[in-house]
Amino acid sequence: MRYLWLANLFLLVLICSCQTDKSEKLYDGFEHPSLSKVWDDRKFLPGALEIQKAIVRSGERAAKITLRPGDQIPQEKGTILERAELTEAEEYWSLEDSLYSYTFSIFLPDDFPVDSARLVIAQWKQECQVESCVPDNPLIAVRYVAGRLFITHLGPELEVLYATSENLLNRWLDFKFIISFSRTEAGSIEAWLNNEKVIDYIGINAYPHDGGYPDQNQFYFKTGLYRDQTDRFMTIYFDEYTKARLDKVSDAQPRRK
């Protein structure tokens, strides 16, 4: 009986360890013809995702995501929202007050429409355990609107951390983010675009406990096309996703840039 108790205790410790030691290292180069376990498929309709070989960042395949006018997931029927997004599977969500590195590459083809509708092509969200949290904006969002790429932070009053009107079509955009999500001044965001550092931020970068957000929150990544309704067809390519958990955040003094 004692040995059975010890075996159960060991199993419980192992399970707890797996649940708290999240996202030590993830990689998806989309080399398999079907979607990997890194991603949840609930945020796009059938036919929106194709693992293809024509346009790739590295290797033989990359993800192609297409959004058509009227494409709405079931829970957003009747709203102004249209989306086709890859969502990080829940078992890989990031932990609060831990440091993570993300890299990924996005390709916007030369016929990508210049449209004034709100469009998010990558974002990080905070876990919400009720039907709707307030505010419900992405914590960090890479946006492309009217030919302008910009990265925003928090909400409902969005803070623009970086913006460029450079023509970014028809070439791969290599992003790197190092992030620690925190409701304290220990939070941090560093970002690079094509090896140029574009963001260096230290400060609060998560929503407080009120508004429906739980204690000891988790955070997850999404990429693809998320927009307000428009009559435009849009296609985006995504490749070479990595995520790694890093050492703890340094004790640098709070600052903003």
Protein backbone atom coordinates (compact mmCIF):
# COMPACT_ATOMS: atom_id res chain seq x y z
CA MET A 1 0.00 0.00 0.00
CA ARG A 2 2.86 2.34 0.89
CA TYR A 3 4.52 1.70 -2.47
CA LEU A 4 1.25 2.44 -4.30
CA TRP A 5 0.97 5.74 -2.40
CA LEU A 6 4.56 6.65 -3.34
CA ALA A 7 3.91 5.77 -6.98
CA ASN A 8 0.82 7.97 -7.05
CA LEU A 9 2.76 10.81 -5.41
CA PHE A 10 5.52 10.52 -8.00
CA LEU A 11 2.94 10.59 -10.80
CA LEU A 12 1.30 13.70 -9.30
CA VAL A 13 4.66 15.49 -9.08
CA LEU A 14 5.44 14.54 -12.67
CA ILE A 15 2.08 15.86 -13.89
CA CYS A 16 2.48 19.13 -11.97
CA SER A 17 5.98 19.53 -13.35
CA CYS A 18 4.74 19.11 -16.90
CA GLN A 19 1.97 21.63 -16.35
CA THR A 20 4.18 24.36 -14.91
CA ASP A 21 7.30 23.87 -17.03
CA LYS A 22 5.63 25.10 -20.21
CA SER A 23 7.07 25.87 -23.62
CA GLU A 24 10.71 25.08 -22.91
CA LYS A 25 11.22 24.84 -26.66
CA LEU A 26 8.85 24.76 -29.64
CA TYR A 27 9.52 24.71 -33.37
CA ASP A 28 7.30 24.42 -36.41
CA GLY A 29 8.66 24.78 -39.93
CA PHE A 30 5.42 23.37 -41.42
CA GLU A 31 7.36 20.58 -43.13
CA HIS A 32 4.57 18.06 -42.53
CA PRO A 33 1.58 18.28 -44.90
CA SER A 34 -0.85 18.48 -41.96
CA LEU A 35 -1.03 20.97 -39.09
CA SER A 36 1.20 20.12 -36.12
CA LYS A 37 0.13 19.79 -32.48
CA VAL A 38 1.66 23.22 -31.77
CA TRP A 39 -1.54 24.82 -33.09
CA ASP A 40 -5.24 24.82 -32.30
CA ASP A 41 -7.49 24.89 -35.40
CA ARG A 42 -10.64 26.47 -33.92
CA LYS A 43 -9.99 30.01 -35.22
CA PHE A 44 -10.26 29.33 -38.95
CA LEU A 45 -12.78 27.76 -41.31
CA PRO A 46 -12.13 24.65 -43.43
CA GLY A 47 -10.10 25.57 -46.50
CA ALA A 48 -8.46 28.65 -44.97
CA LEU A 49 -5.17 26.86 -44.26
CA GLU A 50 -2.87 25.21 -46.79
CA ILE A 51 0.57 23.73 -46.15
CA GLN A 52 2.20 24.58 -49.49
CA LYS A 53 5.57 24.55 -51.27
CA ALA A 54 5.42 27.58 -53.59
CA ILE A 55 6.45 30.29 -51.09
CA VAL A 56 8.65 29.27 -48.15
CA ARG A 57 11.09 30.94 -45.78
CA SER A 58 13.13 27.80 -45.18
CA GLY A 59 12.79 24.11 -45.93
CA GLU A 60 10.20 22.80 -48.38
CA ARG A 61 6.86 24.00 -46.96
CA ALA A 62 5.16 26.95 -45.25
CA ALA A 63 1.65 27.76 -44.09
CA LYS A 64 -0.64 29.70 -46.42
CA ILE A 65 -3.63 31.35 -44.75
CA THR A 66 -6.47 32.83 -46.82
CA LEU A 67 -9.37 34.93 -45.54
CA ARG A 68 -12.41 35.46 -47.73
CA PRO A 69 -15.17 38.04 -47.29
CA GLY A 70 -17.74 36.65 -44.86
CA ASP A 71 -15.41 34.11 -43.23
CA GLN A 72 -16.60 34.07 -39.63
CA ILE A 73 -16.02 31.36 -37.06
CA PRO A 74 -19.32 30.15 -35.50
CA GLN A 75 -19.06 32.15 -32.26
CA GLU A 76 -18.60 35.40 -34.21
CA LYS A 77 -21.51 35.01 -36.63
CA GLY A 78 -23.42 38.27 -36.96
CA THR A 79 -20.51 40.45 -35.78
CA ILE A 80 -18.16 42.62 -37.86
CA LEU A 81 -15.27 40.22 -37.23
CA GLU A 82 -13.64 37.97 -39.81
CA ARG A 83 -10.66 35.75 -39.08
CA ALA A 84 -8.40 32.89 -40.10
CA GLU A 85 -5.79 32.42 -37.37
CA LEU A 86 -3.42 29.78 -36.09
CA THR A 87 -3.68 29.73 -32.29
CA GLU A 88 -1.03 28.32 -29.97
CA ALA A 89 -2.34 25.10 -28.36
CA GLU A 90 -3.24 25.58 -24.70
CA GLU A 91 -0.63 23.16 -23.38
CA TYR A 92 2.07 25.52 -24.67
CA TRP A 93 0.73 28.81 -23.29
CA SER A 94 3.23 31.07 -21.54
CA LEU A 95 3.30 31.72 -17.79
CA GLU A 96 3.10 35.08 -16.08
CA ASP A 97 6.40 36.65 -14.99
CA SER A 98 8.47 34.26 -17.10
CA LEU A 99 10.68 35.17 -20.05
CA TYR A 100 10.07 33.78 -23.55
CA SER A 101 11.64 34.16 -26.97
CA TYR A 102 9.49 34.00 -30.11
CA THR A 103 10.68 34.05 -33.71
CA PHE A 104 8.58 33.73 -36.85
CA SER A 105 8.48 34.86 -40.48
CA ILE A 106 5.55 36.41 -42.35
CA PHE A 107 5.21 37.01 -46.10
CA LEU A 108 2.70 39.43 -47.60
CA PRO A 109 2.42 38.88 -51.39
CA ASP A 110 2.72 41.82 -53.77
CA ASP A 111 -1.02 41.74 -54.50
CA PHE A 112 -1.94 42.02 -50.81
CA PRO A 113 -4.74 44.62 -50.69
CA VAL A 114 -4.11 48.07 -49.28
CA ASP A 115 -7.20 48.34 -47.11
CA SER A 116 -8.16 50.68 -44.26
CA ALA A 117 -10.00 47.96 -42.32
CA ARG A 118 -8.51 46.99 -38.97
CA LEU A 119 -6.20 44.02 -39.53
CA VAL A 120 -4.04 42.05 -37.07
CA ILE A 121 -1.49 39.57 -38.49
CA ALA A 122 0.07 38.40 -35.20
CA GLN A 123 -0.92 38.91 -31.57
CA TRP A 124 -0.53 37.81 -27.98
CA LYS A 125 -3.63 37.41 -25.82
CA GLN A 126 -4.19 36.98 -22.09
CA GLU A 127 -6.17 34.01 -20.79
CA CYS A 128 -9.81 34.89 -20.07
CA GLN A 129 -11.87 32.45 -18.00
CA VAL A 130 -15.22 34.16 -18.44
CA GLU A 131 -17.26 34.77 -21.60
CA SER A 132 -15.68 38.15 -22.18
CA CYS A 133 -12.97 40.02 -20.29
CA VAL A 134 -12.63 43.80 -20.13
CA PRO A 135 -10.61 45.01 -21.90
CA ASP A 136 -10.31 42.19 -24.43
CA ASN A 137 -7.66 43.72 -26.71
CA PRO A 138 -4.46 41.88 -27.57
CA LEU A 139 -1.60 42.66 -25.20
CA ILE A 140 0.73 42.98 -28.20
CA ALA A 141 -0.43 43.09 -31.82
CA VAL A 142 1.35 43.28 -35.17
CA ARG A 143 -1.03 45.21 -37.43
CA TYR A 144 -1.06 46.01 -41.14
CA VAL A 145 -3.50 48.74 -42.16
CA ALA A 146 -3.53 50.90 -45.31
CA GLY A 147 0.03 49.88 -46.21
CA ARG A 148 1.41 50.67 -42.74
CA LEU A 149 2.84 48.03 -40.40
CA PHE A 150 2.74 48.87 -36.70
CA ILE A 151 3.01 47.10 -33.36
CA THR A 152 0.65 48.07 -30.56
CA HIS A 153 0.52 47.44 -26.85
CA LEU A 154 -2.39 46.99 -24.42
CA GLY A 155 -5.76 48.78 -24.67
CA PRO A 156 -8.40 50.11 -24.84
CA GLU A 157 -6.14 53.09 -25.59
CA LEU A 158 -3.55 51.44 -27.83
CA GLU A 159 0.06 52.48 -27.47
CA VAL A 160 2.06 52.26 -30.71
CA LEU A 161 5.50 50.86 -29.95
CA TYR A 162 6.74 50.76 -33.55
CA ALA A 163 5.46 51.81 -36.98
CA THR A 164 6.74 51.89 -40.55
CA SER A 165 5.22 52.82 -43.91
CA GLU A 166 8.04 51.14 -45.84
CA ASN A 167 6.85 48.82 -48.61
CA LEU A 168 7.05 45.38 -46.99
CA LEU A 169 5.24 43.39 -49.66
CA ASN A 170 6.70 40.45 -51.57
CA ARG A 171 9.48 39.68 -49.07
CA TRP A 172 9.80 37.71 -45.89
CA LEU A 173 9.54 39.67 -42.65
CA ASP A 174 11.57 38.00 -39.89
CA PHE A 175 10.28 38.86 -36.42
CA LYS A 176 11.86 38.17 -33.06
CA PHE A 177 10.22 39.02 -29.72
CA ILE A 178 11.53 38.50 -26.19
CA ILE A 179 8.66 38.99 -23.76
CA SER A 180 7.88 38.66 -20.08
CA PHE A 181 4.20 39.29 -19.38
CA SER A 182 3.66 40.92 -16.00
CA ARG A 183 1.12 43.09 -14.17
CA THR A 184 4.07 44.83 -12.52
CA GLU A 185 6.85 47.10 -13.79
CA ALA A 186 8.94 43.94 -14.29
CA GLY A 187 7.19 43.24 -17.60
CA SER A 188 9.27 43.58 -20.75
CA ILE A 189 9.04 43.55 -24.55
CA GLU A 190 11.97 43.52 -26.95
CA ALA A 191 11.39 43.15 -30.68
CA TRP A 192 13.44 42.90 -33.87
CA LEU A 193 12.31 43.13 -37.49
CA ASN A 194 14.76 41.75 -40.04
CA ASN A 195 17.57 41.90 -37.45
CA GLU A 196 16.90 45.56 -36.58
CA LYS A 197 15.82 46.19 -33.02
CA VAL A 198 12.57 48.15 -33.09
CA ILE A 199 11.15 47.86 -29.53
CA ASP A 200 12.75 48.05 -26.09
CA TYR A 201 10.09 48.36 -23.40
CA ILE A 202 10.01 47.66 -19.68
CA GLY A 203 6.82 48.09 -17.68
CA ILE A 204 3.34 46.70 -17.12
CA ASN A 205 2.23 44.63 -20.11
CA ALA A 206 -0.69 42.55 -18.81
CA TYR A 207 -4.22 43.36 -17.70
CA PRO A 208 -5.10 43.55 -13.97
CA HIS A 209 -7.08 40.96 -12.02
CA ASP A 210 -10.42 42.74 -12.43
CA GLY A 211 -12.31 42.50 -15.72
CA GLY A 212 -12.41 38.70 -15.61
CA TYR A 213 -8.68 37.88 -15.73
CA PRO A 214 -7.57 35.23 -13.19
CA ASP A 215 -4.59 35.26 -10.86
CA GLN A 216 -1.39 33.68 -12.22
CA ASN A 217 -2.49 34.19 -15.80
CA GLN A 218 -1.35 32.48 -18.99
CA PHE A 219 -0.68 34.05 -22.38
CA TYR A 220 -0.89 32.71 -25.93
CA PHE A 221 0.22 33.58 -29.46
CA LYS A 222 -1.90 33.78 -32.62
CA THR A 223 -1.06 34.57 -36.23
CA GLY A 224 -2.92 34.88 -39.51
CA LEU A 225 -5.60 37.34 -40.55
CA TYR A 226 -8.00 38.93 -38.05
CA ARG A 227 -9.96 41.94 -39.28
CA ASP A 228 -13.13 43.97 -39.42
CA GLN A 229 -15.39 43.08 -42.33
CA THR A 230 -14.21 44.01 -45.82
CA ASP A 231 -14.89 42.75 -49.34
CA ARG A 232 -11.20 41.94 -49.96
CA PHE A 233 -9.62 38.51 -50.27
CA MET A 234 -6.39 38.33 -48.26
CA THR A 235 -3.60 35.74 -48.22
CA ILE A 236 -0.62 35.59 -45.87
CA TYR A 237 2.25 33.10 -45.49
CA PHE A 238 3.79 32.00 -42.19
CA ASP A 239 6.92 29.94 -41.54
CA GLU A 240 9.77 29.10 -39.15
CA TYR A 241 8.02 29.53 -35.79
CA THR A 242 10.13 29.03 -32.67
CA LYS A 243 9.42 29.61 -29.01
CA ALA A 244 11.73 29.04 -26.05
CA ARG A 245 11.56 29.71 -22.36
CA LEU A 246 14.58 31.72 -21.22
CA ASP A 247 16.26 32.51 -17.91
CA LYS A 248 14.46 34.83 -15.52
CA VAL A 249 14.10 38.52 -16.29
CA SER A 250 17.04 40.66 -15.25
CA ASP A 251 16.71 43.16 -12.40
CA ALA A 252 16.93 46.21 -14.67
CA GLN A 253 15.28 49.38 -13.43
CA PRO A 254 11.83 50.08 -14.90
CA ARG A 255 12.04 52.25 -18.01
CA ARG A 256 10.08 52.95 -21.15
CA LYS A 257 11.03 53.67 -24.71
